[in-house]
Amino acid sequence: MNVGKKMAHTAEAVRGSAKKALGRVTGNRRMQAEGRGGKMKGNAKQSGSKIKDAFRR
């Protein structure tokens, strides 16, 4: 996995975590749910890239 994609996937997971935390602080359940989804999406992309790298070697 190239560095740019790795950073993008990590940033997506971090944005999701931040959004989830902000939703928790403000009491906004919708924002919490969107944050959880963003975090899961970023983590899934990271895992997929790691699996691809494992099969390439």
C-alpha atoms as a PDB file:
ATOM      1  CA  MET A   1       0.000   0.000   0.000  1.00  0.00           C
ATOM      2  CA  ASN A   2       1.423   3.361  -0.872  1.00  0.00           C
ATOM      3  CA  VAL A   3       1.897   6.014   1.771  1.00  0.00           C
ATOM      4  CA  GLY A   4      -0.742   8.363   0.362  1.00  0.00           C
ATOM      5  CA  LYS A   5      -3.524   5.801   0.560  1.00  0.00           C
ATOM      6  CA  LYS A   6      -2.427   4.691   4.014  1.00  0.00           C
ATOM      7  CA  MET A   7      -2.583   8.275   5.254  1.00  0.00           C
ATOM      8  CA  ALA A   8      -5.980   8.820   3.624  1.00  0.00           C
ATOM      9  CA  HIS A   9      -7.467   5.709   5.226  1.00  0.00           C
ATOM     10  CA  THR A  10      -6.021   6.593   8.616  1.00  0.00           C
ATOM     11  CA  ALA A  11      -7.330  10.151   8.302  1.00  0.00           C
ATOM     12  CA  GLU A  12     -10.789   8.825   7.483  1.00  0.00           C
ATOM     13  CA  ALA A  13     -10.774   6.670  10.618  1.00  0.00           C
ATOM     14  CA  VAL A  14      -9.566   9.588  12.737  1.00  0.00           C
ATOM     15  CA  ARG A  15     -12.243  11.908  11.314  1.00  0.00           C
ATOM     16  CA  GLY A  16     -14.839   9.288  12.192  1.00  0.00           C
ATOM     17  CA  SER A  17     -13.551   9.027  15.746  1.00  0.00           C
ATOM     18  CA  ALA A  18     -13.599  12.809  16.134  1.00  0.00           C
ATOM     19  CA  LYS A  19     -17.116  13.058  14.751  1.00  0.00           C
ATOM     20  CA  LYS A  20     -18.280  10.306  17.092  1.00  0.00           C
ATOM     21  CA  ALA A  21     -16.733  12.074  20.087  1.00  0.00           C
ATOM     22  CA  LEU A  22     -18.236  15.420  19.082  1.00  0.00           C
ATOM     23  CA  GLY A  23     -21.639  13.783  18.747  1.00  0.00           C
ATOM     24  CA  ARG A  24     -21.263  12.248  22.184  1.00  0.00           C
ATOM     25  CA  VAL A  25     -20.331  15.607  23.734  1.00  0.00           C
ATOM     26  CA  THR A  26     -23.199  17.477  22.081  1.00  0.00           C
ATOM     27  CA  GLY A  27     -25.711  14.670  22.577  1.00  0.00           C
ATOM     28  CA  ASN A  28     -26.312  14.359  18.824  1.00  0.00           C
ATOM     29  CA  ARG A  29     -27.004  10.679  18.165  1.00  0.00           C
ATOM     30  CA  ARG A  30     -27.000  11.115  14.395  1.00  0.00           C
ATOM     31  CA  MET A  31     -23.498  12.577  14.459  1.00  0.00           C
ATOM     32  CA  GLN A  32     -22.347   9.736  16.710  1.00  0.00           C
ATOM     33  CA  ALA A  33     -23.694   7.183  14.244  1.00  0.00           C
ATOM     34  CA  GLU A  34     -22.056   8.930  11.288  1.00  0.00           C
ATOM     35  CA  GLY A  35     -18.780   8.990  13.199  1.00  0.00           C
ATOM     36  CA  ARG A  36     -18.974   5.281  13.977  1.00  0.00           C
ATOM     37  CA  GLY A  37     -19.648   4.589  10.314  1.00  0.00           C
ATOM     38  CA  GLY A  38     -16.723   6.715   9.177  1.00  0.00           C
ATOM     39  CA  LYS A  39     -14.378   5.047  11.622  1.00  0.00           C
ATOM     40  CA  MET A  40     -15.467   1.582  10.538  1.00  0.00           C
ATOM     41  CA  LYS A  41     -15.136   2.527   6.869  1.00  0.00           C
ATOM     42  CA  GLY A  42     -11.585   3.814   7.352  1.00  0.00           C
ATOM     43  CA  ASN A  43     -10.569   0.749   9.333  1.00  0.00           C
ATOM     44  CA  ALA A  44     -12.089  -1.570   6.734  1.00  0.00           C
ATOM     45  CA  LYS A  45     -10.145   0.148   3.956  1.00  0.00           C
ATOM     46  CA  GLN A  46      -6.932  -0.215   5.964  1.00  0.00           C
ATOM     47  CA  SER A  47      -7.593  -3.910   6.518  1.00  0.00           C
ATOM     48  CA  GLY A  48      -8.385  -4.468   2.851  1.00  0.00           C
ATOM     49  CA  SER A  49      -5.157  -2.789   1.810  1.00  0.00           C
ATOM     50  CA  LYS A  50      -3.159  -4.896   4.268  1.00  0.00           C
ATOM     51  CA  ILE A  51      -4.695  -8.081   2.872  1.00  0.00           C
ATOM     52  CA  LYS A  52      -3.880  -7.002  -0.681  1.00  0.00           C
ATOM     53  CA  ASP A  53      -0.280  -6.329   0.341  1.00  0.00           C
ATOM     54  CA  ALA A  54      -0.003  -9.733   1.983  1.00  0.00           C
ATOM     55  CA  PHE A  55      -1.033 -11.515  -1.220  1.00  0.00           C
ATOM     56  CA  ARG A  56       1.273  -9.443  -3.393  1.00  0.00           C
ATOM     57  CA  ARG A  57       4.359 -10.697  -1.577  1.00  0.00           C
END
